[in-house]
PDB file of N, CA and C in Angstrom:
ATOM      1  N   UNK A   1       0.889  -0.982  -0.072  1.00  0.00           N
ATOM      2  CA  UNK A   1       0.403   0.477   0.241  1.00  0.00           C
ATOM      3  C   UNK A   1       0.932   1.331   0.343  1.00  0.00           C
ATOM      4  N   UNK A   2      -0.018   2.001  -0.888  1.00  0.00           N
ATOM      5  CA  UNK A   2       1.359   3.635  -0.936  1.00  0.00           C
ATOM      6  C   UNK A   2       0.634   4.393  -0.455  1.00  0.00           C
ATOM      7  N   UNK A   3       1.103   5.278   0.929  1.00  0.00           N
ATOM      8  CA  UNK A   3       0.442   6.560   1.587  1.00  0.00           C
ATOM      9  C   UNK A   3       1.115   7.664   0.608  1.00  0.00           C
ATOM     10  N   UNK A   4       0.226   8.700   0.102  1.00  0.00           N
ATOM     11  CA  UNK A   4       0.462   9.699  -0.813  1.00  0.00           C
ATOM     12  C   UNK A   4      -0.541  10.303   0.476  1.00  0.00           C
ATOM     13  N   UNK A   5      -0.323  11.982   0.063  1.00  0.00           N
ATOM     14  CA  UNK A   5      -0.165  12.438   0.783  1.00  0.00           C
ATOM     15  C   UNK A   5      -2.371  12.993   0.843  1.00  0.00           C
ATOM     16  N   UNK A   6      -2.454  13.567   1.654  1.00  0.00           N
ATOM     17  CA  UNK A   6      -4.031  13.861   1.718  1.00  0.00           C
ATOM     18  C   UNK A   6      -4.339  14.913   1.129  1.00  0.00           C
ATOM     19  N   UNK A   7      -5.725  15.078   1.450  1.00  0.00           N
ATOM     20  CA  UNK A   7      -6.264  16.585   0.442  1.00  0.00           C
ATOM     21  C   UNK A   7      -6.127  17.496   1.480  1.00  0.00           C
ATOM     22  N   UNK A   8      -5.939  17.573   2.592  1.00  0.00           N
ATOM     23  CA  UNK A   8      -5.801  18.062   3.628  1.00  0.00           C
ATOM     24  C   UNK A   8      -4.128  18.947   3.384  1.00  0.00           C
ATOM     25  N   UNK A   9      -3.653  18.413   2.784  1.00  0.00           N
ATOM     26  CA  UNK A   9      -2.308  18.367   2.842  1.00  0.00           C
ATOM     27  C   UNK A   9      -0.990  17.175   2.754  1.00  0.00           C
ATOM     28  N   UNK A  10      -0.256  17.784   2.287  1.00  0.00           N
ATOM     29  CA  UNK A  10       1.164  17.046   2.757  1.00  0.00           C
ATOM     30  C   UNK A  10       1.002  16.053   4.093  1.00  0.00           C
ATOM     31  N   UNK A  11       1.876  14.743   3.647  1.00  0.00           N
ATOM     32  CA  UNK A  11       1.775  14.024   5.073  1.00  0.00           C
ATOM     33  C   UNK A  11       2.920  14.895   5.659  1.00  0.00           C
ATOM     34  N   UNK A  12       3.333  14.770   6.982  1.00  0.00           N
ATOM     35  CA  UNK A  12       4.375  15.071   7.854  1.00  0.00           C
ATOM     36  C   UNK A  12       5.469  13.196   8.103  1.00  0.00           C
ATOM     37  N   UNK A  13       6.574  13.243   7.180  1.00  0.00           N
ATOM     38  CA  UNK A  13       7.144  11.726   7.606  1.00  0.00           C
ATOM     39  C   UNK A  13       8.341  12.088   8.142  1.00  0.00           C
ATOM     40  N   UNK A  14       8.587  11.272   9.013  1.00  0.00           N
ATOM     41  CA  UNK A  14      10.001  10.973   9.795  1.00  0.00           C
ATOM     42  C   UNK A  14      10.759   9.895   8.942  1.00  0.00           C
ATOM     43  N   UNK A  15      11.888   9.861   8.084  1.00  0.00           N
ATOM     44  CA  UNK A  15      12.953   8.596   8.210  1.00  0.00           C
ATOM     45  C   UNK A  15      13.927   8.384   8.971  1.00  0.00           C
ATOM     46  N   UNK A  16      13.656   6.463   9.379  1.00  0.00           N
ATOM     47  CA  UNK A  16      14.184   6.183  10.266  1.00  0.00           C
ATOM     48  C   UNK A  16      15.174   5.109   9.565  1.00  0.00           C
ATOM     49  N   UNK A  17      16.515   5.495   9.692  1.00  0.00           N
ATOM     50  CA  UNK A  17      17.604   4.945   9.058  1.00  0.00           C
ATOM     51  C   UNK A  17      18.376   4.378   9.913  1.00  0.00           C
ATOM     52  N   UNK A  18      18.624   3.055   9.885  1.00  0.00           N
ATOM     53  CA  UNK A  18      19.365   2.264  10.880  1.00  0.00           C
ATOM     54  C   UNK A  18      20.338   1.209  10.286  1.00  0.00           C
ATOM     55  N   UNK A  19      21.814   0.968  10.488  1.00  0.00           N
ATOM     56  CA  UNK A  19      22.642  -0.129  10.262  1.00  0.00           C
ATOM     57  C   UNK A  19      23.186  -0.577  12.167  1.00  0.00           C
ATOM     58  N   UNK A  20      23.286  -1.829  11.491  1.00  0.00           N
ATOM     59  CA  UNK A  20      23.785  -2.613  12.542  1.00  0.00           C
ATOM     60  C   UNK A  20      24.836  -2.365  12.888  1.00  0.00           C
ATOM     61  N   UNK A  21      26.068  -2.733  11.600  1.00  0.00           N
ATOM     62  CA  UNK A  21      27.553  -3.238  11.919  1.00  0.00           C
ATOM     63  C   UNK A  21      27.934  -2.204  10.559  1.00  0.00           C
ATOM     64  N   UNK A  22      29.554  -2.093  10.943  1.00  0.00           N
ATOM     65  CA  UNK A  22      29.908  -1.438   9.972  1.00  0.00           C
ATOM     66  C   UNK A  22      29.859  -2.193   8.673  1.00  0.00           C
ATOM     67  N   UNK A  23      29.620  -3.405   8.507  1.00  0.00           N
ATOM     68  CA  UNK A  23      30.073  -3.880   7.296  1.00  0.00           C
ATOM     69  C   UNK A  23      28.724  -3.473   6.385  1.00  0.00           C
ATOM     70  N   UNK A  24      27.465  -3.461   7.332  1.00  0.00           N
ATOM     71  CA  UNK A  24      26.270  -3.216   6.526  1.00  0.00           C
ATOM     72  C   UNK A  24      26.757  -1.810   6.284  1.00  0.00           C
ATOM     73  N   UNK A  25      27.103  -1.115   7.134  1.00  0.00           N
ATOM     74  CA  UNK A  25      26.967   0.522   6.428  1.00  0.00           C
ATOM     75  C   UNK A  25      28.092   0.546   5.299  1.00  0.00           C
ATOM     76  N   UNK A  26      29.019  -0.050   4.963  1.00  0.00           N
ATOM     77  CA  UNK A  26      29.875  -0.092   4.120  1.00  0.00           C
ATOM     78  C   UNK A  26      29.443  -0.938   2.843  1.00  0.00           C
ATOM     79  N   UNK A  27      28.416  -2.158   2.946  1.00  0.00           N
ATOM     80  CA  UNK A  27      28.666  -3.307   1.676  1.00  0.00           C
ATOM     81  C   UNK A  27      26.930  -3.187   1.687  1.00  0.00           C
ATOM     82  N   UNK A  28      26.145  -2.755   2.605  1.00  0.00           N
ATOM     83  CA  UNK A  28      24.515  -3.211   2.586  1.00  0.00           C
ATOM     84  C   UNK A  28      24.123  -1.707   1.988  1.00  0.00           C
ATOM     85  N   UNK A  29      23.246  -1.503   2.681  1.00  0.00           N
ATOM     86  CA  UNK A  29      22.108  -0.320   2.860  1.00  0.00           C
ATOM     87  C   UNK A  29      22.854   1.019   3.508  1.00  0.00           C
ATOM     88  N   UNK A  30      23.337   1.753   3.103  1.00  0.00           N
ATOM     89  CA  UNK A  30      24.337   2.442   3.966  1.00  0.00           C
ATOM     90  C   UNK A  30      23.241   3.453   4.770  1.00  0.00           C
ATOM     91  N   UNK A  31      23.011   4.252   5.562  1.00  0.00           N
ATOM     92  CA  UNK A  31      22.302   5.038   5.732  1.00  0.00           C
ATOM     93  C   UNK A  31      22.175   6.320   5.031  1.00  0.00           C
ATOM     94  N   UNK A  32      23.200   7.022   4.738  1.00  0.00           N
ATOM     95  CA  UNK A  32      22.768   8.038   3.490  1.00  0.00           C
ATOM     96  C   UNK A  32      21.811   7.738   2.291  1.00  0.00           C
ATOM     97  N   UNK A  33      22.312   6.383   1.746  1.00  0.00           N
ATOM     98  CA  UNK A  33      21.442   5.884   0.694  1.00  0.00           C
ATOM     99  C   UNK A  33      19.334   5.878   1.385  1.00  0.00           C
ATOM    100  N   UNK A  34      19.669   5.228   2.161  1.00  0.00           N
ATOM    101  CA  UNK A  34      18.520   4.583   2.945  1.00  0.00           C
ATOM    102  C   UNK A  34      17.360   6.489   3.032  1.00  0.00           C
ATOM    103  N   UNK A  35      18.234   7.334   3.168  1.00  0.00           N
ATOM    104  CA  UNK A  35      17.806   8.704   3.504  1.00  0.00           C
ATOM    105  C   UNK A  35      17.303   9.172   2.342  1.00  0.00           C
ATOM    106  N   UNK A  36      18.253   9.029   1.415  1.00  0.00           N
ATOM    107  CA  UNK A  36      18.481   9.430  -0.046  1.00  0.00           C
ATOM    108  C   UNK A  36      16.935   8.651  -0.517  1.00  0.00           C
ATOM    109  N   UNK A  37      16.944   7.742  -0.341  1.00  0.00           N
ATOM    110  CA  UNK A  37      15.619   6.806  -0.880  1.00  0.00           C
ATOM    111  C   UNK A  37      14.389   7.174  -0.160  1.00  0.00           C
ATOM    112  N   UNK A  38      14.417   7.587   0.792  1.00  0.00           N
ATOM    113  CA  UNK A  38      13.523   8.098   1.841  1.00  0.00           C
ATOM    114  C   UNK A  38      12.648   9.694   1.024  1.00  0.00           C
ATOM    115  N   UNK A  39      13.815  10.023   1.219  1.00  0.00           N
ATOM    116  CA  UNK A  39      13.189  11.211   0.531  1.00  0.00           C
ATOM    117  C   UNK A  39      12.842  11.373  -0.396  1.00  0.00           C
ATOM    118  N   UNK A  40      13.609  10.442  -1.368  1.00  0.00           N
ATOM    119  CA  UNK A  40      12.734  10.531  -3.288  1.00  0.00           C
ATOM    120  C   UNK A  40      11.453   9.846  -3.005  1.00  0.00           C
ATOM    121  N   UNK A  41      10.919   9.114  -1.915  1.00  0.00           N
ATOM    122  CA  UNK A  41       9.839   8.388  -1.691  1.00  0.00           C
ATOM    123  C   UNK A  41       8.836   9.433  -1.286  1.00  0.00           C
ATOM    124  N   UNK A  42       9.235  11.018  -0.779  1.00  0.00           N
ATOM    125  CA  UNK A  42       8.309  12.053  -0.003  1.00  0.00           C
ATOM    126  C   UNK A  42       8.757  12.663  -0.972  1.00  0.00           C
ATOM    127  N   UNK A  43       9.203  12.505  -1.988  1.00  0.00           N
ATOM    128  CA  UNK A  43       8.652  13.662  -2.966  1.00  0.00           C
ATOM    129  C   UNK A  43       7.846  13.755  -4.006  1.00  0.00           C
ATOM    130  N   UNK A  44       8.150  12.385  -4.730  1.00  0.00           N
ATOM    131  CA  UNK A  44       6.991  11.640  -5.132  1.00  0.00           C
ATOM    132  C   UNK A  44       5.753  11.588  -5.318  1.00  0.00           C
ATOM    133  N   UNK A  45       5.227  11.327  -3.622  1.00  0.00           N
ATOM    134  CA  UNK A  45       4.714  11.037  -3.149  1.00  0.00           C
ATOM    135  C   UNK A  45       3.741  12.634  -2.592  1.00  0.00           C
ATOM    136  N   UNK A  46       4.664  13.848  -2.534  1.00  0.00           N
ATOM    137  CA  UNK A  46       3.954  14.764  -2.511  1.00  0.00           C
ATOM    138  C   UNK A  46       4.013  15.109  -0.773  1.00  0.00           C
ATOM    139  N   UNK A  47       5.140  14.368  -0.145  1.00  0.00           N
ATOM    140  CA  UNK A  47       5.036  14.449   1.162  1.00  0.00           C
ATOM    141  C   UNK A  47       6.194  15.263   1.516  1.00  0.00           C
ATOM    142  N   UNK A  48       6.274  15.807   2.837  1.00  0.00           N
ATOM    143  CA  UNK A  48       7.243  16.718   2.978  1.00  0.00           C
ATOM    144  C   UNK A  48       8.032  15.142   4.504  1.00  0.00           C
ATOM    145  N   UNK A  49       9.749  16.061   4.498  1.00  0.00           N
ATOM    146  CA  UNK A  49      10.379  15.307   5.184  1.00  0.00           C
ATOM    147  C   UNK A  49      10.123  16.298   6.777  1.00  0.00           C
ATOM    148  N   UNK A  50       9.803  15.517   7.708  1.00  0.00           N
ATOM    149  CA  UNK A  50       9.605  16.432   9.244  1.00  0.00           C
ATOM    150  C   UNK A  50      10.491  16.459   9.980  1.00  0.00           C
ATOM    151  N   UNK A  51      11.558  15.008   9.557  1.00  0.00           N
ATOM    152  CA  UNK A  51      12.647  14.213  10.668  1.00  0.00           C
ATOM    153  C   UNK A  51      13.444  13.352  10.252  1.00  0.00           C
ATOM    154  N   UNK A  52      14.512  13.362  10.639  1.00  0.00           N
ATOM    155  CA  UNK A  52      15.430  12.473  10.201  1.00  0.00           C
ATOM    156  C   UNK A  52      15.770  11.342  11.774  1.00  0.00           C
ATOM    157  N   UNK A  53      15.845  10.629  11.563  1.00  0.00           N
ATOM    158  CA  UNK A  53      16.354   9.615  12.798  1.00  0.00           C
ATOM    159  C   UNK A  53      17.297   8.820  12.342  1.00  0.00           C
ATOM    160  N   UNK A  54      18.634   8.738  12.795  1.00  0.00           N
ATOM    161  CA  UNK A  54      19.736   7.565  12.358  1.00  0.00           C
ATOM    162  C   UNK A  54      19.605   6.901  13.633  1.00  0.00           C
ATOM    163  N   UNK A  55      19.743   5.604  13.539  1.00  0.00           N
ATOM    164  CA  UNK A  55      20.452   4.595  14.648  1.00  0.00           C
ATOM    165  C   UNK A  55      21.605   4.038  14.476  1.00  0.00           C
ATOM    166  N   UNK A  56      22.901   4.600  14.101  1.00  0.00           N
ATOM    167  CA  UNK A  56      23.807   3.590  13.243  1.00  0.00           C
ATOM    168  C   UNK A  56      24.389   2.828  14.390  1.00  0.00           C
ATOM    169  N   UNK A  57      24.945   1.629  14.468  1.00  0.00           N
ATOM    170  CA  UNK A  57      25.321   0.613  15.342  1.00  0.00           C
ATOM    171  C   UNK A  57      24.403   0.121  15.919  1.00  0.00           C
ATOM    172  N   UNK A  58      23.110  -0.384  15.660  1.00  0.00           N
ATOM    173  CA  UNK A  58      22.204  -0.828  16.739  1.00  0.00           C
ATOM    174  C   UNK A  58      21.377  -2.171  15.975  1.00  0.00           C
ATOM    175  N   UNK A  59      21.454  -3.401  16.882  1.00  0.00           N
ATOM    176  CA  UNK A  59      20.622  -4.107  16.565  1.00  0.00           C
ATOM    177  C   UNK A  59      19.439  -4.217  16.508  1.00  0.00           C
ATOM    178  N   UNK A  60      18.307  -4.677  15.740  1.00  0.00           N
ATOM    179  CA  UNK A  60      16.630  -4.336  15.528  1.00  0.00           C
ATOM    180  C   UNK A  60      16.176  -5.501  15.916  1.00  0.00           C
ATOM    181  N   UNK A  61      16.936  -6.211  16.812  1.00  0.00           N
ATOM    182  CA  UNK A  61      16.568  -7.444  18.277  1.00  0.00           C
ATOM    183  C   UNK A  61      15.850  -7.310  18.806  1.00  0.00           C
ATOM    184  N   UNK A  62      15.322  -6.424  19.208  1.00  0.00           N
ATOM    185  CA  UNK A  62      14.515  -5.790  20.294  1.00  0.00           C
ATOM    186  C   UNK A  62      14.278  -4.585  20.069  1.00  0.00           C
ATOM    187  N   UNK A  63      13.313  -3.251  20.821  1.00  0.00           N
ATOM    188  CA  UNK A  63      13.447  -2.152  20.640  1.00  0.00           C
ATOM    189  C   UNK A  63      14.348  -0.902  21.700  1.00  0.00           C
ATOM    190  N   UNK A  64      15.379  -1.189  22.097  1.00  0.00           N
ATOM    191  CA  UNK A  64      15.660  -1.015  23.623  1.00  0.00           C
ATOM    192  C   UNK A  64      16.957  -0.342  22.526  1.00  0.00           C
ATOM    193  N   UNK A  65      16.710   0.808  21.564  1.00  0.00           N
ATOM    194  CA  UNK A  65      16.964   1.640  21.114  1.00  0.00           C
ATOM    195  C   UNK A  65      17.075   2.911  21.017  1.00  0.00           C
ATOM    196  N   UNK A  66      17.990   3.941  21.896  1.00  0.00           N
ATOM    197  CA  UNK A  66      17.696   5.060  22.457  1.00  0.00           C
ATOM    198  C   UNK A  66      17.124   6.201  21.458  1.00  0.00           C
ATOM    199  N   UNK A  67      17.302   6.139  20.124  1.00  0.00           N
ATOM    200  CA  UNK A  67      17.202   7.156  18.913  1.00  0.00           C
ATOM    201  C   UNK A  67      15.297   6.546  18.645  1.00  0.00           C
ATOM    202  N   UNK A  68      15.591   5.239  18.553  1.00  0.00           N
ATOM    203  CA  UNK A  68      14.329   4.585  17.939  1.00  0.00           C
ATOM    204  C   UNK A  68      12.716   4.631  19.630  1.00  0.00           C
ATOM    205  N   UNK A  69      13.542   4.619  20.301  1.00  0.00           N
ATOM    206  CA  UNK A  69      12.398   5.171  21.579  1.00  0.00           C
ATOM    207  C   UNK A  69      12.313   6.356  21.173  1.00  0.00           C
ATOM    208  N   UNK A  70      12.941   7.398  21.142  1.00  0.00           N
ATOM    209  CA  UNK A  70      13.048   8.548  21.318  1.00  0.00           C
ATOM    210  C   UNK A  70      11.535   9.156  19.783  1.00  0.00           C
ATOM    211  N   UNK A  71      12.156   8.851  18.879  1.00  0.00           N
ATOM    212  CA  UNK A  71      11.327   8.723  17.957  1.00  0.00           C
ATOM    213  C   UNK A  71       9.697   8.456  18.086  1.00  0.00           C
ATOM    214  N   UNK A  72       9.862   7.285  18.730  1.00  0.00           N
ATOM    215  CA  UNK A  72       7.702   6.938  19.030  1.00  0.00           C
ATOM    216  C   UNK A  72       7.894   7.794  20.313  1.00  0.00           C
ATOM    217  N   UNK A  73       8.279   8.075  21.118  1.00  0.00           N
ATOM    218  CA  UNK A  73       7.888   8.936  22.189  1.00  0.00           C
ATOM    219  C   UNK A  73       7.135  10.051  21.446  1.00  0.00           C
ATOM    220  N   UNK A  74       8.154  10.754  20.607  1.00  0.00           N
ATOM    221  CA  UNK A  74       7.570  12.023  19.950  1.00  0.00           C
ATOM    222  C   UNK A  74       6.370  11.787  19.041  1.00  0.00           C
ATOM    223  N   UNK A  75       6.147  10.576  18.600  1.00  0.00           N
ATOM    224  CA  UNK A  75       5.068  10.187  17.272  1.00  0.00           C
ATOM    225  C   UNK A  75       4.225   9.902  18.291  1.00  0.00           C
ATOM    226  N   UNK A  76       3.910   9.533  19.607  1.00  0.00           N
ATOM    227  CA  UNK A  76       2.861   9.322  20.319  1.00  0.00           C
ATOM    228  C   UNK A  76       2.218  10.471  21.500  1.00  0.00           C
ATOM    229  N   UNK A  77       3.231  12.173  21.507  1.00  0.00           N
ATOM    230  CA  UNK A  77       3.380  12.669  21.775  1.00  0.00           C
ATOM    231  C   UNK A  77       2.009  13.652  21.548  1.00  0.00           C
ATOM    232  N   UNK A  78       1.559  14.525  22.594  1.00  0.00           N
ATOM    233  CA  UNK A  78       0.263  15.386  21.872  1.00  0.00           C
ATOM    234  C   UNK A  78       0.912  16.036  21.003  1.00  0.00           C
ATOM    235  N   UNK A  79       2.171  16.452  21.106  1.00  0.00           N
ATOM    236  CA  UNK A  79       2.686  17.669  19.909  1.00  0.00           C
ATOM    237  C   UNK A  79       2.482  16.730  18.200  1.00  0.00           C
ATOM    238  N   UNK A  80       2.959  15.815  17.957  1.00  0.00           N
ATOM    239  CA  UNK A  80       2.209  14.298  17.110  1.00  0.00           C
ATOM    240  C   UNK A  80       2.797  15.312  15.671  1.00  0.00           C
ATOM    241  N   UNK A  81       4.486  15.474  16.051  1.00  0.00           N
ATOM    242  CA  UNK A  81       5.404  16.140  15.096  1.00  0.00           C
ATOM    243  C   UNK A  81       5.405  15.679  13.514  1.00  0.00           C
ATOM    244  N   UNK A  82       4.780  14.227  13.363  1.00  0.00           N
ATOM    245  CA  UNK A  82       5.059  13.842  12.010  1.00  0.00           C
ATOM    246  C   UNK A  82       3.963  12.493  11.911  1.00  0.00           C
ATOM    247  N   UNK A  83       3.291  12.547  10.827  1.00  0.00           N
ATOM    248  CA  UNK A  83       2.427  11.424  10.546  1.00  0.00           C
ATOM    249  C   UNK A  83       2.858   9.704  10.461  1.00  0.00           C
ATOM    250  N   UNK A  84       3.810   9.964   9.289  1.00  0.00           N
ATOM    251  CA  UNK A  84       4.656   8.785   9.144  1.00  0.00           C
ATOM    252  C   UNK A  84       5.785   8.595   9.611  1.00  0.00           C
ATOM    253  N   UNK A  85       6.288   7.244  10.103  1.00  0.00           N
ATOM    254  CA  UNK A  85       7.359   6.831  10.160  1.00  0.00           C
ATOM    255  C   UNK A  85       7.969   5.811   9.410  1.00  0.00           C
ATOM    256  N   UNK A  86       8.472   6.365   7.950  1.00  0.00           N
ATOM    257  CA  UNK A  86       9.038   6.075   6.798  1.00  0.00           C
ATOM    258  C   UNK A  86      10.331   4.883   6.715  1.00  0.00           C
ATOM    259  N   UNK A  87      10.797   3.941   6.646  1.00  0.00           N
ATOM    260  CA  UNK A  87      11.736   2.863   7.289  1.00  0.00           C
ATOM    261  C   UNK A  87      11.862   2.106   5.211  1.00  0.00           C
ATOM    262  N   UNK A  88      13.240   1.983   5.442  1.00  0.00           N
ATOM    263  CA  UNK A  88      13.615   1.578   4.161  1.00  0.00           C
ATOM    264  C   UNK A  88      12.787   0.020   4.277  1.00  0.00           C
ATOM    265  N   UNK A  89      12.958  -0.678   4.571  1.00  0.00           N
ATOM    266  CA  UNK A  89      12.244  -2.130   5.296  1.00  0.00           C
ATOM    267  C   UNK A  89      12.120  -2.535   6.230  1.00  0.00           C
ATOM    268  N   UNK A  90      11.429  -3.726   6.616  1.00  0.00           N
ATOM    269  CA  UNK A  90      10.465  -3.578   8.193  1.00  0.00           C
ATOM    270  C   UNK A  90      12.043  -4.349   9.061  1.00  0.00           C
ATOM    271  N   UNK A  91      13.015  -4.873   8.447  1.00  0.00           N
ATOM    272  CA  UNK A  91      13.717  -5.126   9.091  1.00  0.00           C
ATOM    273  C   UNK A  91      14.613  -4.106   9.296  1.00  0.00           C
ATOM    274  N   UNK A  92      14.827  -2.658   9.064  1.00  0.00           N
ATOM    275  CA  UNK A  92      15.629  -1.463   9.771  1.00  0.00           C
ATOM    276  C   UNK A  92      14.707  -1.402  11.293  1.00  0.00           C
ATOM    277  N   UNK A  93      13.075  -1.665  11.365  1.00  0.00           N
ATOM    278  CA  UNK A  93      12.086  -1.221  12.307  1.00  0.00           C
ATOM    279  C   UNK A  93      12.985  -2.109  13.517  1.00  0.00           C
ATOM    280  N   UNK A  94      12.423  -3.507  12.580  1.00  0.00           N
ATOM    281  CA  UNK A  94      12.674  -5.188  13.985  1.00  0.00           C
ATOM    282  C   UNK A  94      13.268  -5.882  13.071  1.00  0.00           C
ATOM    283  N   UNK A  95      13.615  -6.927  13.625  1.00  0.00           N
ATOM    284  CA  UNK A  95      14.113  -8.310  12.681  1.00  0.00           C
ATOM    285  C   UNK A  95      13.611  -9.013  13.341  1.00  0.00           C
ATOM    286  N   UNK A  96      12.406  -8.796  14.527  1.00  0.00           N
ATOM    287  CA  UNK A  96      11.410 -10.318  14.712  1.00  0.00           C
ATOM    288  C   UNK A  96      10.014  -9.862  14.961  1.00  0.00           C
ATOM    289  N   UNK A  97       9.609 -10.236  13.434  1.00  0.00           N
ATOM    290  CA  UNK A  97       8.035  -9.959  13.488  1.00  0.00           C
ATOM    291  C   UNK A  97       7.317 -10.355  14.948  1.00  0.00           C
ATOM    292  N   UNK A  98       7.170 -10.890  15.967  1.00  0.00           N
ATOM    293  CA  UNK A  98       6.939 -10.632  17.280  1.00  0.00           C
ATOM    294  C   UNK A  98       7.184  -9.297  17.638  1.00  0.00           C
ATOM    295  N   UNK A  99       8.306  -8.829  17.951  1.00  0.00           N
ATOM    296  CA  UNK A  99       8.670  -7.737  18.630  1.00  0.00           C
ATOM    297  C   UNK A  99       7.780  -6.225  17.995  1.00  0.00           C
ATOM    298  N   UNK A 100       7.756  -6.275  16.495  1.00  0.00           N
ATOM    299  CA  UNK A 100       6.681  -5.932  15.863  1.00  0.00           C
ATOM    300  C   UNK A 100       5.788  -5.622  15.909  1.00  0.00           C
ATOM    301  N   UNK A 101       4.626  -6.932  16.201  1.00  0.00           N
ATOM    302  CA  UNK A 101       3.690  -6.772  16.431  1.00  0.00           C
ATOM    303  C   UNK A 101       3.391  -5.842  17.802  1.00  0.00           C
TER     304      UNK A 101
END
């Protein structure tokens, strides 16, 4: 499913980029690549990047990641600074489907 901007205006997007190892950052999808792809998606779909959260060197085996926790706290706050949390793939958010649920 593709989320596009609503009739009320563009969605505010927080891009979450994460790598767990140096090898992953160098050989797989780097943080700059994840951010660039997220920015392209936002531009193509008429949405705006409200924030970018970077979590280098953190495993997604659980949610005990400081930047991830701060992002979730902000997303659920009264301030509600963004409408969408965008990740390159679900593995950037969680490795374990049970934790994701």
